[in-house]
Amino acid sequence: MAALTVAVLLTGCGTATKEAPTGRATPAAPGDPLADRARPCPVTDAGSPQSPPTLIDGTPANTPEGARLSQAVGAQGRGAFADVYSTQITDHPAGRVAVCVTDLDRGRLLVAAAHQADPEADPGRADLYLSPYTHRALGAAMNKVMALDTALPIHTCSASPGATGLEVTSSAEGAASAEFKEQMEKAAGGIPVTVQEGTPVEPLVGALTPPPVTPKH
């Protein structure tokens, strides 16, 4: 079995949708009044840091308003609203939170629940966007991909920006193999997988230095 090292990055809104068994958002029904407001989850440029956008006492940090709402939304997204929560981006733009979900109606309830759990978290600072897959579905798919017994190595596996699929790093041969990609997508239940050439993640090695022992008197 290929040596597997997982690098999990579950990073993180538009039409009224329902989560399919795979966790994918289904298309809005014809005539859906929310359909014309569908916006895909933002994908930030890794080369141009979006956050933190401010300085607090001279130190780069997220805005307090954005950070508070983001924390409250994340708690609900990992809990009662895991069936629709995809990801979120704090301070996009500054002071606001991009909340990516697979169902707008449930997304609004998520934001309301975040405000109820923390009344200081301002729900008016949330912007809803659509992602095709939930955080939970992508996590389950990553576990299945990383458990594959493959001849080609899987160095890392993470969620794509915007929760649109999975990103895998492998050898040059793995990145060029359509069969390898198809094998991983089948294991992921049809969730798209992008394969790029990368290097293995080196595990931490070396003995840890024990803390000093204070003699008893």
N, C-alpha and C. Protein backbone atom coordinates (compact mmCIF):
# COMPACT_ATOMS: atom_id res chain seq x y z
N MET A 1 0.85 -1.20 0.00
CA MET A 1 0.00 0.00 0.00
C MET A 1 0.88 1.24 0.00
N ALA A 2 0.57 2.17 -0.83
CA ALA A 2 1.37 3.39 -0.91
C ALA A 2 1.34 4.12 0.41
N ALA A 3 2.48 4.75 0.73
CA ALA A 3 2.53 5.53 1.96
C ALA A 3 1.60 6.72 1.83
N LEU A 4 0.72 6.86 2.79
CA LEU A 4 -0.29 7.91 2.70
C LEU A 4 -0.08 8.92 3.80
N THR A 5 0.00 10.16 3.43
CA THR A 5 0.06 11.24 4.39
C THR A 5 -0.99 12.25 4.01
N VAL A 6 -1.94 12.47 4.88
CA VAL A 6 -3.05 13.35 4.53
C VAL A 6 -2.79 14.75 5.04
N ALA A 7 -3.01 15.71 4.18
CA ALA A 7 -2.96 17.11 4.57
C ALA A 7 -4.36 17.63 4.38
N VAL A 8 -5.11 17.71 5.43
CA VAL A 8 -6.51 18.07 5.34
C VAL A 8 -6.66 19.57 5.45
N LEU A 9 -7.25 20.14 4.44
CA LEU A 9 -7.52 21.58 4.44
C LEU A 9 -8.95 21.76 3.97
N LEU A 10 -9.78 21.87 4.91
CA LEU A 10 -11.17 22.13 4.57
C LEU A 10 -11.43 23.62 4.75
N THR A 11 -11.07 24.17 3.74
CA THR A 11 -11.12 25.52 3.62
C THR A 11 -12.47 25.81 3.91
N GLY A 12 -13.17 27.90 4.11
CA GLY A 12 -13.74 28.08 3.77
C GLY A 12 -13.86 28.51 3.91
N CYS A 13 -23.60 29.42 -2.32
CA CYS A 13 -23.86 29.94 -1.66
C CYS A 13 -24.78 30.70 -2.52
N GLY A 14 -25.79 30.20 -2.71
CA GLY A 14 -26.67 30.94 -3.58
C GLY A 14 -28.07 30.41 -3.69
N THR A 15 -28.35 29.36 -4.47
CA THR A 15 -29.71 28.92 -4.70
C THR A 15 -30.22 28.01 -3.60
N ALA A 16 -31.54 27.89 -3.55
CA ALA A 16 -32.13 26.96 -2.60
C ALA A 16 -31.90 25.56 -3.11
N THR A 17 -31.14 24.76 -2.35
CA THR A 17 -30.78 23.43 -2.78
C THR A 17 -30.94 22.47 -1.62
N LYS A 18 -30.87 21.17 -1.92
CA LYS A 18 -30.91 20.16 -0.88
C LYS A 18 -29.70 19.27 -1.06
N GLU A 19 -29.16 18.77 0.07
CA GLU A 19 -27.98 17.95 0.00
C GLU A 19 -28.34 16.57 -0.51
N ALA A 20 -27.68 16.14 -1.59
CA ALA A 20 -27.87 14.81 -2.12
C ALA A 20 -27.10 13.83 -1.25
N PRO A 21 -27.27 12.51 -1.45
CA PRO A 21 -26.56 11.53 -0.62
C PRO A 21 -25.06 11.73 -0.61
N THR A 22 -24.49 12.22 -1.70
CA THR A 22 -23.05 12.45 -1.75
C THR A 22 -22.65 13.76 -1.07
N GLY A 23 -23.61 14.56 -0.67
CA GLY A 23 -23.30 15.86 -0.10
C GLY A 23 -23.25 16.95 -1.15
N ARG A 24 -23.63 16.62 -2.39
CA ARG A 24 -23.57 17.62 -3.46
C ARG A 24 -24.87 18.40 -3.52
N ALA A 25 -24.75 19.69 -3.82
CA ALA A 25 -25.93 20.52 -3.97
C ALA A 25 -26.63 20.18 -5.26
N THR A 26 -27.95 20.03 -5.21
CA THR A 26 -28.73 19.76 -6.41
C THR A 26 -29.14 21.08 -7.05
N PRO A 27 -29.36 21.12 -8.37
CA PRO A 27 -29.71 22.38 -9.04
C PRO A 27 -31.03 22.95 -8.53
N ALA A 28 -31.15 24.26 -8.61
CA ALA A 28 -32.41 24.90 -8.22
C ALA A 28 -33.50 24.51 -9.21
N ALA A 29 -34.71 24.41 -8.71
CA ALA A 29 -35.84 24.05 -9.57
C ALA A 29 -36.16 25.21 -10.51
N PRO A 30 -36.67 24.93 -11.71
CA PRO A 30 -37.04 26.00 -12.64
C PRO A 30 -38.04 26.96 -11.98
N GLY A 31 -37.81 28.23 -12.16
CA GLY A 31 -38.71 29.22 -11.59
C GLY A 31 -38.42 29.55 -10.14
N ASP A 32 -37.40 28.94 -9.58
CA ASP A 32 -37.04 29.20 -8.18
C ASP A 32 -36.72 30.69 -8.05
N PRO A 33 -37.40 31.41 -7.16
CA PRO A 33 -37.16 32.86 -7.05
C PRO A 33 -35.76 33.20 -6.56
N LEU A 34 -35.05 32.22 -5.98
CA LEU A 34 -33.71 32.50 -5.50
C LEU A 34 -32.65 32.22 -6.55
N ALA A 35 -33.04 31.60 -7.66
CA ALA A 35 -32.07 31.14 -8.64
C ALA A 35 -31.23 32.29 -9.21
N ASP A 36 -31.85 33.46 -9.42
CA ASP A 36 -31.11 34.56 -10.04
C ASP A 36 -30.14 35.21 -9.06
N ARG A 37 -30.16 34.78 -7.80
CA ARG A 37 -29.24 35.33 -6.82
C ARG A 37 -28.11 34.37 -6.48
N ALA A 38 -28.01 33.28 -7.23
CA ALA A 38 -26.98 32.29 -6.95
C ALA A 38 -25.60 32.87 -7.23
N ARG A 39 -24.71 32.73 -6.26
CA ARG A 39 -23.33 33.14 -6.43
C ARG A 39 -22.44 32.02 -5.92
N PRO A 40 -21.44 31.62 -6.69
CA PRO A 40 -20.56 30.55 -6.22
C PRO A 40 -19.67 31.02 -5.08
N CYS A 41 -19.27 30.09 -4.24
CA CYS A 41 -18.39 30.40 -3.12
C CYS A 41 -17.12 31.08 -3.63
N PRO A 42 -16.70 32.18 -3.03
CA PRO A 42 -15.49 32.88 -3.52
C PRO A 42 -14.25 31.99 -3.43
N VAL A 43 -13.39 32.15 -4.40
CA VAL A 43 -12.10 31.45 -4.40
C VAL A 43 -11.03 32.52 -4.34
N THR A 44 -10.34 32.59 -3.22
CA THR A 44 -9.33 33.63 -3.05
C THR A 44 -8.02 33.20 -3.68
N ASP A 45 -7.25 34.17 -4.12
CA ASP A 45 -5.96 33.93 -4.75
C ASP A 45 -4.93 33.71 -3.66
N ALA A 46 -4.35 32.49 -3.66
CA ALA A 46 -3.38 32.16 -2.62
C ALA A 46 -2.17 33.08 -2.66
N GLY A 47 -1.89 33.63 -3.83
CA GLY A 47 -0.75 34.53 -3.95
C GLY A 47 -1.03 35.94 -3.47
N SER A 48 -2.31 36.22 -3.22
CA SER A 48 -2.69 37.55 -2.74
C SER A 48 -3.50 37.39 -1.46
N PRO A 49 -2.84 37.39 -0.31
CA PRO A 49 -3.54 37.16 0.95
C PRO A 49 -4.74 38.08 1.13
N GLN A 50 -5.89 37.50 1.45
CA GLN A 50 -7.12 38.27 1.65
C GLN A 50 -7.32 38.59 3.13
N SER A 51 -6.70 37.81 3.99
CA SER A 51 -6.97 37.93 5.40
C SER A 51 -5.70 37.56 6.17
N PRO A 52 -5.36 38.26 7.23
CA PRO A 52 -6.10 39.35 7.84
C PRO A 52 -5.90 40.68 7.10
N PRO A 53 -6.94 41.50 7.02
CA PRO A 53 -6.84 42.74 6.26
C PRO A 53 -6.54 43.97 7.10
N THR A 54 -6.46 43.82 8.40
CA THR A 54 -6.34 45.00 9.26
C THR A 54 -5.18 44.85 10.23
N LEU A 55 -4.85 45.94 10.85
CA LEU A 55 -3.86 45.94 11.92
C LEU A 55 -4.55 46.32 13.22
N ILE A 56 -4.35 45.53 14.24
CA ILE A 56 -4.88 45.81 15.56
C ILE A 56 -3.69 45.97 16.49
N ASP A 57 -3.49 47.18 16.99
CA ASP A 57 -2.31 47.51 17.80
C ASP A 57 -1.03 47.16 17.07
N GLY A 58 -1.04 47.38 15.76
CA GLY A 58 0.15 47.14 14.95
C GLY A 58 0.35 45.70 14.52
N THR A 59 -0.55 44.79 14.91
CA THR A 59 -0.41 43.37 14.58
C THR A 59 -1.49 42.96 13.58
N PRO A 60 -1.10 42.28 12.49
CA PRO A 60 -2.10 41.81 11.52
C PRO A 60 -3.11 40.90 12.20
N ALA A 61 -4.38 41.14 11.96
CA ALA A 61 -5.44 40.34 12.60
C ALA A 61 -6.74 40.53 11.85
N ASN A 62 -7.62 39.55 11.98
CA ASN A 62 -8.96 39.71 11.43
C ASN A 62 -9.70 40.76 12.23
N THR A 63 -10.68 41.39 11.60
CA THR A 63 -11.48 42.35 12.33
C THR A 63 -12.22 41.63 13.45
N PRO A 64 -12.39 42.23 14.61
CA PRO A 64 -13.09 41.57 15.71
C PRO A 64 -14.51 41.16 15.33
N GLU A 65 -15.19 42.02 14.54
CA GLU A 65 -16.57 41.71 14.15
C GLU A 65 -16.62 40.48 13.24
N GLY A 66 -15.70 40.43 12.27
CA GLY A 66 -15.66 39.29 11.37
C GLY A 66 -15.26 38.02 12.08
N ALA A 67 -14.27 38.11 12.96
CA ALA A 67 -13.79 36.93 13.67
C ALA A 67 -14.87 36.36 14.57
N ARG A 68 -15.64 37.23 15.23
CA ARG A 68 -16.67 36.74 16.15
C ARG A 68 -17.79 36.02 15.40
N LEU A 69 -18.25 36.62 14.31
CA LEU A 69 -19.29 35.99 13.52
C LEU A 69 -18.78 34.68 12.91
N SER A 70 -17.55 34.69 12.42
CA SER A 70 -16.98 33.49 11.81
C SER A 70 -16.91 32.34 12.80
N GLN A 71 -16.52 32.64 14.03
CA GLN A 71 -16.44 31.61 15.06
C GLN A 71 -17.82 31.04 15.36
N ALA A 72 -18.81 31.90 15.47
CA ALA A 72 -20.17 31.45 15.78
C ALA A 72 -20.75 30.62 14.63
N VAL A 73 -20.50 31.05 13.40
CA VAL A 73 -20.99 30.31 12.23
C VAL A 73 -20.31 28.95 12.15
N GLY A 74 -19.01 28.92 12.38
CA GLY A 74 -18.27 27.67 12.31
C GLY A 74 -18.76 26.65 13.32
N ALA A 75 -19.09 27.11 14.52
CA ALA A 75 -19.59 26.20 15.55
C ALA A 75 -20.91 25.56 15.11
N GLN A 76 -21.79 26.34 14.51
CA GLN A 76 -23.06 25.81 14.03
C GLN A 76 -22.86 24.92 12.80
N GLY A 77 -21.92 25.32 11.94
CA GLY A 77 -21.66 24.56 10.72
C GLY A 77 -21.08 23.19 11.00
N ARG A 78 -20.33 23.06 12.07
CA ARG A 78 -19.77 21.77 12.43
C ARG A 78 -20.72 20.96 13.29
N GLY A 79 -21.84 21.58 13.67
CA GLY A 79 -22.80 20.91 14.54
C GLY A 79 -24.11 20.64 13.84
N ALA A 80 -25.16 21.37 14.25
CA ALA A 80 -26.51 21.10 13.77
C ALA A 80 -26.69 21.36 12.28
N PHE A 81 -25.80 22.15 11.65
CA PHE A 81 -25.97 22.49 10.24
C PHE A 81 -24.88 21.87 9.37
N ALA A 82 -24.33 20.75 9.82
CA ALA A 82 -23.29 20.07 9.04
C ALA A 82 -23.83 19.52 7.73
N ASP A 83 -25.17 19.42 7.62
CA ASP A 83 -25.77 18.90 6.38
C ASP A 83 -25.74 19.91 5.24
N VAL A 84 -25.43 21.19 5.55
CA VAL A 84 -25.40 22.22 4.49
C VAL A 84 -24.14 23.08 4.51
N TYR A 85 -23.40 23.07 5.59
CA TYR A 85 -22.24 23.95 5.73
C TYR A 85 -21.08 23.45 4.88
N SER A 86 -20.49 24.35 4.09
CA SER A 86 -19.34 24.00 3.25
C SER A 86 -18.05 24.60 3.80
N THR A 87 -17.97 25.92 3.79
CA THR A 87 -16.76 26.59 4.27
C THR A 87 -17.11 28.05 4.51
N GLN A 88 -16.14 28.85 4.90
CA GLN A 88 -16.37 30.27 5.11
C GLN A 88 -15.06 31.02 4.97
N ILE A 89 -15.16 32.31 4.69
CA ILE A 89 -13.99 33.17 4.57
C ILE A 89 -14.22 34.38 5.46
N THR A 90 -13.38 34.51 6.46
CA THR A 90 -13.49 35.65 7.37
C THR A 90 -12.91 36.90 6.72
N ASP A 91 -13.61 38.03 6.90
CA ASP A 91 -13.18 39.32 6.35
C ASP A 91 -13.07 39.26 4.82
N HIS A 92 -14.19 38.91 4.20
CA HIS A 92 -14.26 38.91 2.73
C HIS A 92 -15.54 39.63 2.30
N PRO A 93 -15.47 41.00 2.23
CA PRO A 93 -14.35 41.88 2.55
C PRO A 93 -14.27 42.14 4.06
N ALA A 94 -13.39 43.06 4.43
CA ALA A 94 -13.14 43.32 5.86
C ALA A 94 -14.43 43.59 6.61
N GLY A 95 -14.59 42.89 7.73
CA GLY A 95 -15.76 43.07 8.57
C GLY A 95 -16.93 42.18 8.22
N ARG A 96 -16.82 41.43 7.12
CA ARG A 96 -17.90 40.55 6.69
C ARG A 96 -17.39 39.11 6.59
N VAL A 97 -18.32 38.17 6.54
CA VAL A 97 -17.96 36.75 6.45
C VAL A 97 -18.71 36.12 5.29
N ALA A 98 -17.96 35.53 4.35
CA ALA A 98 -18.57 34.77 3.25
C ALA A 98 -18.88 33.38 3.78
N VAL A 99 -20.16 33.04 3.85
CA VAL A 99 -20.60 31.74 4.37
C VAL A 99 -21.07 30.90 3.19
N CYS A 100 -20.39 29.80 2.93
CA CYS A 100 -20.70 28.96 1.78
C CYS A 100 -21.48 27.73 2.24
N VAL A 101 -22.63 27.52 1.64
CA VAL A 101 -23.54 26.44 2.02
C VAL A 101 -24.09 25.77 0.77
N THR A 102 -24.78 24.64 0.95
CA THR A 102 -25.40 23.96 -0.19
C THR A 102 -26.89 24.23 -0.27
N ASP A 103 -27.43 24.99 0.67
CA ASP A 103 -28.86 25.30 0.68
C ASP A 103 -29.06 26.68 1.30
N LEU A 104 -29.60 27.61 0.54
CA LEU A 104 -29.74 28.99 1.03
C LEU A 104 -30.68 29.10 2.22
N ASP A 105 -31.82 28.41 2.16
CA ASP A 105 -32.77 28.50 3.26
C ASP A 105 -32.15 28.01 4.56
N ARG A 106 -31.51 26.85 4.51
CA ARG A 106 -30.84 26.33 5.70
C ARG A 106 -29.65 27.21 6.08
N GLY A 107 -29.03 27.83 5.08
CA GLY A 107 -27.92 28.72 5.37
C GLY A 107 -28.37 29.92 6.19
N ARG A 108 -29.55 30.45 5.87
CA ARG A 108 -30.07 31.57 6.66
C ARG A 108 -30.37 31.13 8.10
N LEU A 109 -30.87 29.92 8.23
CA LEU A 109 -31.13 29.39 9.57
C LEU A 109 -29.83 29.19 10.34
N LEU A 110 -28.79 28.79 9.62
CA LEU A 110 -27.47 28.63 10.25
C LEU A 110 -26.99 29.96 10.83
N VAL A 111 -27.08 31.02 10.03
CA VAL A 111 -26.63 32.33 10.49
C VAL A 111 -27.49 32.80 11.67
N ALA A 112 -28.78 32.54 11.61
CA ALA A 112 -29.66 32.92 12.72
C ALA A 112 -29.31 32.15 13.98
N ALA A 113 -28.98 30.87 13.84
CA ALA A 113 -28.60 30.06 14.98
C ALA A 113 -27.27 30.54 15.58
N ALA A 114 -26.36 30.99 14.71
CA ALA A 114 -25.09 31.53 15.20
C ALA A 114 -25.33 32.77 16.04
N HIS A 115 -26.25 33.62 15.58
CA HIS A 115 -26.59 34.84 16.33
C HIS A 115 -27.28 34.49 17.64
N GLN A 116 -28.14 33.47 17.62
CA GLN A 116 -28.83 33.06 18.84
C GLN A 116 -27.84 32.52 19.86
N ALA A 117 -26.84 31.75 19.38
CA ALA A 117 -25.84 31.19 20.29
C ALA A 117 -24.91 32.27 20.83
N ASP A 118 -24.64 33.29 20.01
CA ASP A 118 -23.79 34.41 20.42
C ASP A 118 -24.45 35.70 19.95
N PRO A 119 -25.26 36.32 20.79
CA PRO A 119 -25.98 37.55 20.39
C PRO A 119 -25.05 38.67 19.93
N GLU A 120 -23.77 38.62 20.30
CA GLU A 120 -22.83 39.66 19.87
C GLU A 120 -22.33 39.42 18.45
N ALA A 121 -22.61 38.24 17.89
CA ALA A 121 -22.22 37.95 16.51
C ALA A 121 -23.29 38.55 15.59
N ASP A 122 -22.90 39.51 14.77
CA ASP A 122 -23.83 40.27 13.93
C ASP A 122 -24.19 39.49 12.67
N PRO A 123 -25.42 38.98 12.56
CA PRO A 123 -25.81 38.21 11.37
C PRO A 123 -25.85 39.05 10.11
N GLY A 124 -25.97 40.37 10.26
CA GLY A 124 -26.00 41.24 9.10
C GLY A 124 -24.67 41.33 8.36
N ARG A 125 -23.62 40.76 8.95
CA ARG A 125 -22.31 40.76 8.33
C ARG A 125 -22.04 39.51 7.50
N ALA A 126 -23.01 38.60 7.44
CA ALA A 126 -22.84 37.35 6.70
C ALA A 126 -23.36 37.49 5.27
N ASP A 127 -22.62 36.95 4.33
CA ASP A 127 -23.03 36.87 2.92
C ASP A 127 -23.07 35.40 2.53
N LEU A 128 -24.22 34.93 2.03
CA LEU A 128 -24.38 33.53 1.67
C LEU A 128 -23.96 33.28 0.22
N TYR A 129 -23.25 32.18 0.02
CA TYR A 129 -22.82 31.75 -1.29
C TYR A 129 -23.09 30.24 -1.42
N LEU A 130 -23.02 29.75 -2.65
CA LEU A 130 -23.30 28.34 -2.91
C LEU A 130 -22.03 27.56 -3.18
N SER A 131 -21.87 26.45 -2.50
CA SER A 131 -20.83 25.48 -2.78
C SER A 131 -21.50 24.16 -3.15
N PRO A 132 -20.88 23.36 -4.02
CA PRO A 132 -21.52 22.11 -4.44
C PRO A 132 -21.47 20.99 -3.41
N TYR A 133 -20.52 21.06 -2.46
CA TYR A 133 -20.37 19.96 -1.50
C TYR A 133 -20.24 20.51 -0.08
N THR A 134 -20.69 19.72 0.86
CA THR A 134 -20.56 20.10 2.26
C THR A 134 -19.17 19.76 2.80
N HIS A 135 -18.81 20.42 3.86
CA HIS A 135 -17.57 20.15 4.58
C HIS A 135 -17.56 18.68 5.02
N ARG A 136 -18.69 18.20 5.49
CA ARG A 136 -18.79 16.83 5.98
C ARG A 136 -18.59 15.83 4.84
N ALA A 137 -19.22 16.08 3.69
CA ALA A 137 -19.09 15.16 2.56
C ALA A 137 -17.65 15.13 2.03
N LEU A 138 -17.00 16.27 1.97
CA LEU A 138 -15.62 16.31 1.50
C LEU A 138 -14.68 15.60 2.46
N GLY A 139 -14.94 15.75 3.76
CA GLY A 139 -14.12 15.06 4.74
C GLY A 139 -14.24 13.55 4.61
N ALA A 140 -15.47 13.06 4.42
CA ALA A 140 -15.69 11.63 4.25
C ALA A 140 -15.02 11.13 2.97
N ALA A 141 -15.11 11.92 1.90
CA ALA A 141 -14.48 11.53 0.64
C ALA A 141 -12.97 11.49 0.76
N MET A 142 -12.38 12.44 1.48
CA MET A 142 -10.94 12.44 1.69
C MET A 142 -10.48 11.17 2.40
N ASN A 143 -11.24 10.76 3.41
CA ASN A 143 -10.88 9.55 4.15
C ASN A 143 -10.88 8.34 3.22
N LYS A 144 -11.86 8.26 2.33
CA LYS A 144 -11.94 7.12 1.40
C LYS A 144 -10.80 7.15 0.39
N VAL A 145 -10.45 8.33 -0.10
CA VAL A 145 -9.35 8.45 -1.04
C VAL A 145 -8.03 8.04 -0.37
N MET A 146 -7.82 8.51 0.84
CA MET A 146 -6.57 8.22 1.53
C MET A 146 -6.46 6.76 1.95
N ALA A 147 -7.60 6.06 2.00
CA ALA A 147 -7.59 4.65 2.38
C ALA A 147 -7.38 3.72 1.19
N LEU A 148 -7.29 4.28 -0.02
CA LEU A 148 -7.12 3.46 -1.21
C LEU A 148 -5.78 2.73 -1.21
N ASP A 149 -5.82 1.49 -1.68
CA ASP A 149 -4.60 0.72 -1.87
C ASP A 149 -4.16 0.93 -3.32
N THR A 150 -3.23 1.83 -3.54
CA THR A 150 -2.84 2.21 -4.89
C THR A 150 -1.36 1.96 -5.13
N ALA A 151 -1.02 1.72 -6.41
CA ALA A 151 0.38 1.55 -6.78
C ALA A 151 1.09 2.90 -6.84
N LEU A 152 0.32 3.96 -7.07
CA LEU A 152 0.88 5.30 -7.14
C LEU A 152 0.68 6.01 -5.80
N PRO A 153 1.61 6.86 -5.42
CA PRO A 153 1.53 7.50 -4.09
C PRO A 153 0.50 8.62 -4.03
N ILE A 154 -0.10 8.76 -2.87
CA ILE A 154 -0.96 9.90 -2.57
C ILE A 154 -0.27 10.66 -1.44
N HIS A 155 0.32 11.80 -1.77
CA HIS A 155 1.07 12.55 -0.77
C HIS A 155 0.14 13.34 0.16
N THR A 156 -0.76 14.10 -0.45
CA THR A 156 -1.69 14.91 0.34
C THR A 156 -3.06 14.89 -0.32
N CYS A 157 -4.07 15.19 0.47
CA CYS A 157 -5.44 15.31 -0.05
C CYS A 157 -6.13 16.42 0.73
N SER A 158 -6.73 17.35 0.02
CA SER A 158 -7.38 18.48 0.67
C SER A 158 -8.61 18.90 -0.13
N ALA A 159 -9.45 19.71 0.50
CA ALA A 159 -10.61 20.25 -0.20
C ALA A 159 -10.18 21.38 -1.12
N SER A 160 -10.78 21.44 -2.30
CA SER A 160 -10.49 22.53 -3.23
C SER A 160 -11.05 23.84 -2.69
N PRO A 161 -10.46 24.98 -3.03
CA PRO A 161 -11.05 26.27 -2.65
C PRO A 161 -12.49 26.37 -3.14
N GLY A 162 -13.37 26.86 -2.29
CA GLY A 162 -14.77 26.94 -2.66
C GLY A 162 -15.52 25.64 -2.45
N ALA A 163 -14.83 24.62 -1.89
CA ALA A 163 -15.44 23.32 -1.62
C ALA A 163 -16.03 22.71 -2.89
N THR A 164 -15.27 22.81 -4.00
CA THR A 164 -15.77 22.30 -5.28
C THR A 164 -15.29 20.89 -5.59
N GLY A 165 -14.45 20.31 -4.75
CA GLY A 165 -13.94 18.97 -4.98
C GLY A 165 -12.73 18.71 -4.11
N LEU A 166 -11.88 17.78 -4.55
CA LEU A 166 -10.68 17.43 -3.79
C LEU A 166 -9.44 17.72 -4.63
N GLU A 167 -8.35 18.06 -3.95
CA GLU A 167 -7.06 18.25 -4.58
C GLU A 167 -6.07 17.27 -3.99
N VAL A 168 -5.42 16.51 -4.85
CA VAL A 168 -4.48 15.48 -4.43
C VAL A 168 -3.11 15.79 -5.01
N THR A 169 -2.05 15.55 -4.24
CA THR A 169 -0.71 15.61 -4.79
C THR A 169 -0.15 14.20 -4.84
N SER A 170 0.61 13.92 -5.91
CA SER A 170 1.17 12.60 -6.12
C SER A 170 2.49 12.76 -6.86
N SER A 171 3.00 11.67 -7.39
CA SER A 171 4.21 11.72 -8.20
C SER A 171 3.86 12.26 -9.59
N ALA A 172 4.88 12.48 -10.42
CA ALA A 172 4.64 12.95 -11.77
C ALA A 172 3.80 11.92 -12.54
N GLU A 173 4.07 10.66 -12.30
CA GLU A 173 3.31 9.60 -12.96
C GLU A 173 1.85 9.62 -12.50
N GLY A 174 1.63 9.84 -11.20
CA GLY A 174 0.27 9.90 -10.68
C GLY A 174 -0.49 11.09 -11.23
N ALA A 175 0.18 12.24 -11.37
CA ALA A 175 -0.47 13.44 -11.88
C ALA A 175 -0.86 13.28 -13.34
N ALA A 176 -0.16 12.40 -14.06
CA ALA A 176 -0.43 12.23 -15.49
C ALA A 176 -1.38 11.07 -15.78
N SER A 177 -1.76 10.31 -14.75
CA SER A 177 -2.56 9.09 -14.96
C SER A 177 -4.06 9.36 -14.86
N ALA A 178 -4.77 9.21 -15.98
CA ALA A 178 -6.22 9.37 -15.97
C ALA A 178 -6.88 8.24 -15.19
N GLU A 179 -6.30 7.06 -15.25
CA GLU A 179 -6.85 5.90 -14.53
C GLU A 179 -6.75 6.10 -13.02
N PHE A 180 -5.65 6.66 -12.57
CA PHE A 180 -5.45 6.95 -11.15
C PHE A 180 -6.48 7.97 -10.66
N LYS A 181 -6.69 9.02 -11.45
CA LYS A 181 -7.67 10.05 -11.12
C LYS A 181 -9.07 9.44 -11.06
N GLU A 182 -9.40 8.60 -12.04
CA GLU A 182 -10.72 7.97 -12.07
C GLU A 182 -10.93 7.06 -10.85
N GLN A 183 -9.88 6.37 -10.45
CA GLN A 183 -9.96 5.49 -9.28
C GLN A 183 -10.29 6.29 -8.02
N MET A 184 -9.67 7.45 -7.87
CA MET A 184 -9.92 8.27 -6.68
C MET A 184 -11.31 8.89 -6.72
N GLU A 185 -11.76 9.33 -7.90
CA GLU A 185 -13.09 9.91 -8.01
C GLU A 185 -14.18 8.87 -7.73
N LYS A 186 -13.93 7.63 -8.13
CA LYS A 186 -14.88 6.57 -7.83
C LYS A 186 -14.95 6.34 -6.33
N ALA A 187 -13.81 6.34 -5.66
CA ALA A 187 -13.79 6.17 -4.20
C ALA A 187 -14.46 7.34 -3.50
N ALA A 188 -14.36 8.53 -4.10
CA ALA A 188 -14.94 9.74 -3.50
C ALA A 188 -16.42 9.89 -3.81
N GLY A 189 -17.02 8.91 -4.45
CA GLY A 189 -18.45 8.98 -4.74
C GLY A 189 -18.80 9.94 -5.86
N GLY A 190 -17.87 10.15 -6.78
CA GLY A 190 -18.16 11.05 -7.90
C GLY A 190 -17.71 12.48 -7.69
N ILE A 191 -17.20 12.80 -6.52
CA ILE A 191 -16.69 14.16 -6.28
C ILE A 191 -15.44 14.37 -7.13
N PRO A 192 -15.34 15.48 -7.86
CA PRO A 192 -14.18 15.71 -8.73
C PRO A 192 -12.87 15.74 -7.95
N VAL A 193 -11.84 15.16 -8.54
CA VAL A 193 -10.51 15.12 -7.94
C VAL A 193 -9.51 15.72 -8.93
N THR A 194 -8.73 16.67 -8.47
CA THR A 194 -7.65 17.24 -9.26
C THR A 194 -6.33 16.70 -8.72
N VAL A 195 -5.47 16.20 -9.61
CA VAL A 195 -4.20 15.62 -9.19
C VAL A 195 -3.05 16.46 -9.72
N GLN A 196 -2.16 16.84 -8.83
CA GLN A 196 -0.99 17.62 -9.21
C GLN A 196 0.26 16.93 -8.67
N GLU A 197 1.37 17.19 -9.32
CA GLU A 197 2.64 16.64 -8.84
C GLU A 197 3.05 17.37 -7.57
N GLY A 198 3.52 16.61 -6.60
CA GLY A 198 3.96 17.20 -5.35
C GLY A 198 4.97 16.30 -4.67
N THR A 199 5.35 16.69 -3.48
CA THR A 199 6.33 15.92 -2.72
C THR A 199 5.69 15.41 -1.44
N PRO A 200 6.18 14.29 -0.92
CA PRO A 200 5.62 13.76 0.33
C PRO A 200 5.80 14.74 1.47
N VAL A 201 4.88 14.69 2.41
CA VAL A 201 5.00 15.50 3.62
C VAL A 201 5.91 14.76 4.58
N GLU A 202 7.01 15.40 4.95
CA GLU A 202 7.96 14.75 5.85
C GLU A 202 7.43 14.75 7.27
N PRO A 203 7.34 13.57 7.91
CA PRO A 203 6.88 13.53 9.30
C PRO A 203 7.91 14.12 10.23
N LEU A 204 7.45 14.63 11.34
CA LEU A 204 8.36 15.17 12.35
C LEU A 204 9.15 14.02 12.97
N VAL A 205 10.44 14.19 13.07
CA VAL A 205 11.29 13.14 13.64
C VAL A 205 12.11 13.73 14.77
N GLY A 206 12.69 12.82 15.58
CA GLY A 206 13.52 13.28 16.68
C GLY A 206 12.81 13.17 18.00
N ALA A 207 13.57 12.94 19.01
CA ALA A 207 12.99 12.78 20.35
C ALA A 207 12.64 14.14 20.93
N LEU A 208 11.53 14.19 21.60
CA LEU A 208 11.13 15.42 22.27
C LEU A 208 11.89 15.57 23.58
N THR A 209 12.30 16.78 23.87
CA THR A 209 13.01 17.03 25.12
C THR A 209 12.01 17.12 26.25
N PRO A 210 12.13 16.26 27.26
CA PRO A 210 11.15 16.30 28.36
C PRO A 210 11.30 17.58 29.16
N PRO A 211 10.22 18.05 29.77
CA PRO A 211 10.29 19.27 30.58
C PRO A 211 11.14 19.02 31.81
N PRO A 212 11.76 20.07 32.33
CA PRO A 212 12.59 19.90 33.53
C PRO A 212 11.73 19.47 34.71
N VAL A 213 12.34 18.65 35.57
CA VAL A 213 11.64 18.16 36.75
C VAL A 213 12.05 18.99 37.94
N THR A 214 11.08 19.54 38.63
CA THR A 214 11.36 20.33 39.82
C THR A 214 11.45 19.40 41.03
N PRO A 215 12.57 19.34 41.70
CA PRO A 215 12.72 18.42 42.84
C PRO A 215 11.77 18.82 43.98
N LYS A 216 11.25 17.82 44.62
CA LYS A 216 10.39 18.06 45.77
C LYS A 216 11.23 18.24 47.03
N HIS A 217 10.80 19.14 47.87
CA HIS A 217 11.52 19.40 49.13
C HIS A 217 10.78 18.79 50.30
